[in-house]
Amino acid sequence: MEIVLVRPEIPHNTGCAARLAAATGTRLHLVKPLGFKLEDRYLKRAGLDYWPMVDLVVHEDLDAAMESLATGSERPLAERLRLFSARGGGSLFETDFAPDDLLLFGTESAGLPAELLEAHPDQRVYVPVRAGVRSLNLANAVALGLYTAMVRAGVPLPDNDGGYDAHPEASRDLFAADVAQRGATTPSP
């Protein structure tokens, strides 16, 4: 299972998603254009000292991302996509997930591109919210979506008894740019 942020705009949300990716051992993909630089101090701060643990891949555009994401699974890409949208689809809590699914989230201001949603209408997933609420914060939706998908797919959750031992490289002063891979095509561990 992998997280894909398509054209994220707010560094704090992406930094929170990076921290989540580190906590779960999940690969995080960022699809350009980004609303910030990978050297952004707010991005770094939101990811704290977990950047050495983030498996981060940056793609130049959506086409390049789709080409890269199509590898690493026997299932066709279209079957693996889970397109999170505030506008329609199946409820997160009623959606079936598989361990090799790709969880795609769009920009904070506009969501996923309309052409992507239109091309895969049966792959849309929404998080139920009360009437009058437009949507959840991106970082919250990613966290809720990932953990729910992992449980529903039978993906083992991290084994932690609540203790904390710092990662051996936690003291390194790293930015997202320091750990980012460009368009990697290897599946996550």
Protein backbone atom coordinates (compact mmCIF):
# COMPACT_ATOMS: atom_id res chain seq x y z
CA MET A 1 0.00 0.00 0.00
CA GLU A 2 1.33 3.42 -0.94
CA ILE A 3 0.26 7.06 -0.46
CA VAL A 4 0.17 9.41 -3.45
CA LEU A 5 -0.31 13.16 -2.98
CA VAL A 6 -1.19 14.75 -6.30
CA ARG A 7 -0.09 18.40 -6.49
CA PRO A 8 -0.14 19.09 -2.74
CA GLU A 9 -0.16 22.79 -1.87
CA ILE A 10 0.41 23.10 1.88
CA PRO A 11 3.79 21.99 3.26
CA HIS A 12 2.44 21.19 6.71
CA ASN A 13 -0.07 18.65 5.34
CA THR A 14 2.62 16.95 3.27
CA GLY A 15 4.99 16.91 6.24
CA CYS A 16 2.29 15.23 8.34
CA ALA A 17 1.77 12.65 5.58
CA ALA A 18 5.54 12.05 5.55
CA ARG A 19 5.52 11.46 9.29
CA LEU A 20 2.63 9.00 8.82
CA ALA A 21 4.57 7.25 6.06
CA ALA A 22 7.56 6.92 8.38
CA ALA A 23 5.36 5.59 11.19
CA THR A 24 3.74 2.93 9.00
CA GLY A 25 6.62 2.05 6.67
CA THR A 26 4.55 3.22 3.71
CA ARG A 27 6.04 4.76 0.56
CA LEU A 28 4.97 8.37 -0.06
CA HIS A 29 4.73 9.74 -3.60
CA LEU A 30 4.50 13.45 -4.39
CA VAL A 31 3.29 14.49 -7.83
CA LYS A 32 4.41 17.89 -9.12
CA PRO A 33 3.73 20.71 -9.32
CA LEU A 34 4.11 21.17 -5.57
CA GLY A 35 2.92 24.27 -3.75
CA PHE A 36 6.22 24.44 -1.87
CA LYS A 37 9.87 23.49 -2.21
CA LEU A 38 11.23 20.25 -0.78
CA GLU A 39 13.61 22.45 1.21
CA ASP A 40 10.68 24.26 2.89
CA ARG A 41 11.23 24.69 6.63
CA TYR A 42 7.52 24.13 7.38
CA LEU A 43 7.60 20.84 5.50
CA LYS A 44 10.69 19.82 7.42
CA ARG A 45 9.18 20.85 10.74
CA ALA A 46 5.94 18.91 10.18
CA GLY A 47 7.98 15.80 9.34
CA LEU A 48 10.11 16.38 12.45
CA ASP A 49 13.22 14.21 12.65
CA TYR A 50 11.60 11.31 10.78
CA TRP A 51 12.87 12.26 7.30
CA PRO A 52 15.54 9.50 7.33
CA MET A 53 12.69 6.98 7.67
CA VAL A 54 10.55 8.38 4.84
CA ASP A 55 10.53 6.45 1.56
CA LEU A 56 9.78 9.49 -0.60
CA VAL A 57 9.38 9.47 -4.37
CA VAL A 58 8.80 12.66 -6.37
CA HIS A 59 7.24 12.53 -9.84
CA GLU A 60 7.40 15.32 -12.43
CA ASP A 61 3.72 15.04 -13.33
CA LEU A 62 0.70 12.75 -13.10
CA ASP A 63 1.56 10.84 -16.28
CA ALA A 64 5.05 10.04 -14.99
CA ALA A 65 3.60 8.99 -11.64
CA MET A 66 1.06 6.65 -13.27
CA GLU A 67 3.78 5.07 -15.40
CA SER A 68 5.94 4.46 -12.34
CA LEU A 69 3.04 3.26 -10.16
CA ALA A 70 1.95 0.73 -12.80
CA THR A 71 4.97 -1.41 -11.91
CA GLY A 72 5.46 -3.52 -8.80
CA SER A 73 2.21 -5.49 -8.83
CA GLU A 74 0.58 -8.20 -10.89
CA ARG A 75 -2.74 -6.35 -10.64
CA PRO A 76 -3.48 -3.71 -13.27
CA LEU A 77 -2.94 -0.13 -12.14
CA ALA A 78 -6.62 0.79 -12.62
CA GLU A 79 -7.67 -1.88 -10.10
CA ARG A 80 -5.16 -0.67 -7.51
CA LEU A 81 -6.19 2.99 -7.53
CA ARG A 82 -8.24 4.34 -4.63
CA LEU A 83 -9.12 7.93 -5.46
CA PHE A 84 -10.02 9.87 -2.34
CA SER A 85 -12.58 12.57 -3.07
CA ALA A 86 -15.01 14.62 -1.02
CA ARG A 87 -17.46 14.26 -3.90
CA GLY A 88 -18.91 10.81 -4.32
CA GLY A 89 -17.78 7.24 -4.52
CA GLY A 90 -17.94 4.60 -1.85
CA SER A 91 -17.57 5.23 1.85
CA LEU A 92 -14.09 4.58 3.21
CA PHE A 93 -15.66 2.27 5.76
CA GLU A 94 -17.43 0.16 3.13
CA THR A 95 -14.63 -0.01 0.57
CA ASP A 96 -12.58 -3.15 0.05
CA PHE A 97 -8.83 -2.60 -0.05
CA ALA A 98 -5.91 -4.81 -1.07
CA PRO A 99 -2.32 -4.72 0.21
CA ASP A 100 -1.00 -3.31 -3.09
CA ASP A 101 -3.54 -0.49 -3.39
CA LEU A 102 -2.46 3.07 -4.16
CA LEU A 103 -4.24 5.73 -2.11
CA LEU A 104 -4.42 8.96 -4.13
CA PHE A 105 -5.24 12.32 -2.59
CA GLY A 106 -5.54 15.63 -4.45
CA THR A 107 -4.74 19.25 -3.76
CA GLU A 108 -6.17 20.93 -0.71
CA SER A 109 -8.05 23.50 -2.81
CA ALA A 110 -9.36 21.40 -5.71
CA GLY A 111 -8.93 17.69 -4.99
CA LEU A 112 -7.87 15.19 -7.63
CA PRO A 113 -7.94 16.15 -11.32
CA ALA A 114 -11.44 15.75 -12.82
CA GLU A 115 -10.10 13.67 -15.72
CA LEU A 116 -8.62 11.14 -13.27
CA LEU A 117 -11.88 10.89 -11.33
CA GLU A 118 -13.89 10.57 -14.55
CA ALA A 119 -11.58 7.86 -15.90
CA HIS A 120 -11.97 5.74 -12.74
CA PRO A 121 -15.44 6.44 -11.29
CA ASP A 122 -15.65 3.08 -9.50
CA GLN A 123 -12.37 3.72 -7.66
CA ARG A 124 -13.57 6.81 -5.78
CA VAL A 125 -13.56 6.76 -1.98
CA TYR A 126 -14.95 9.38 0.39
CA VAL A 127 -14.80 9.95 4.14
CA PRO A 128 -18.30 10.61 5.53
CA VAL A 129 -18.72 14.09 7.05
CA ARG A 130 -21.72 16.06 8.28
CA ALA A 131 -23.78 18.21 5.94
CA GLY A 132 -22.35 21.72 5.70
CA VAL A 133 -18.73 20.52 6.02
CA ARG A 134 -16.89 20.65 2.70
CA SER A 135 -14.11 18.17 3.51
CA LEU A 136 -11.50 17.07 6.01
CA ASN A 137 -7.99 18.47 6.20
CA LEU A 138 -5.72 16.58 3.80
CA ALA A 139 -3.38 15.31 6.52
CA ASN A 140 -6.36 13.99 8.52
CA ALA A 141 -7.87 12.30 5.46
CA VAL A 142 -4.56 10.63 4.62
CA ALA A 143 -4.11 9.29 8.16
CA LEU A 144 -7.69 8.06 8.42
CA GLY A 145 -7.59 6.60 4.92
CA LEU A 146 -4.28 4.79 5.32
CA TYR A 147 -4.96 3.16 8.66
CA THR A 148 -8.49 2.13 7.64
CA ALA A 149 -7.24 0.72 4.34
CA MET A 150 -4.46 -1.20 6.07
CA VAL A 151 -6.88 -2.79 8.53
CA ARG A 152 -9.48 -3.60 5.86
CA ALA A 153 -6.78 -5.13 3.60
CA GLY A 154 -5.28 -7.19 6.41
CA VAL A 155 -1.95 -5.35 6.21
CA PRO A 156 -0.15 -5.75 9.54
CA LEU A 157 0.01 -2.56 11.56
CA PRO A 158 3.35 -1.48 13.02
CA ASP A 159 4.35 -3.57 16.01
CA ASN A 160 4.97 -1.09 18.79
CA ASP A 161 4.24 -1.41 22.49
CA GLY A 162 4.19 2.37 22.96
CA GLY A 163 7.91 2.68 23.57
CA TYR A 164 10.18 5.01 21.65
CA ASP A 165 13.75 4.53 20.54
CA ALA A 166 15.03 7.22 18.20
CA HIS A 167 15.98 6.15 14.69
CA PRO A 168 19.79 5.98 14.39
CA GLU A 169 19.75 8.83 11.87
CA ALA A 170 17.17 10.99 13.67
CA SER A 171 19.79 13.56 14.62
CA ARG A 172 20.69 14.23 10.97
CA ASP A 173 19.43 17.61 9.87
CA LEU A 174 17.54 16.49 6.77
CA PHE A 175 14.99 18.11 4.50
CA ALA A 176 12.58 16.23 2.24
CA ALA A 177 14.89 17.10 -0.66
CA ASP A 178 17.67 15.11 1.03
CA VAL A 179 15.71 11.85 1.02
CA ALA A 180 13.59 12.20 -2.13
CA GLN A 181 14.00 9.72 -4.96
CA ARG A 182 13.01 10.86 -8.40
CA GLY A 183 10.40 8.67 -10.09
CA ALA A 184 11.54 5.36 -8.59
CA THR A 185 9.95 2.25 -10.07
CA THR A 186 10.77 -0.29 -7.39
CA PRO A 187 7.98 -1.47 -5.10
CA SER A 188 8.09 -0.43 -1.46
CA PRO A 189 9.36 -2.95 1.08
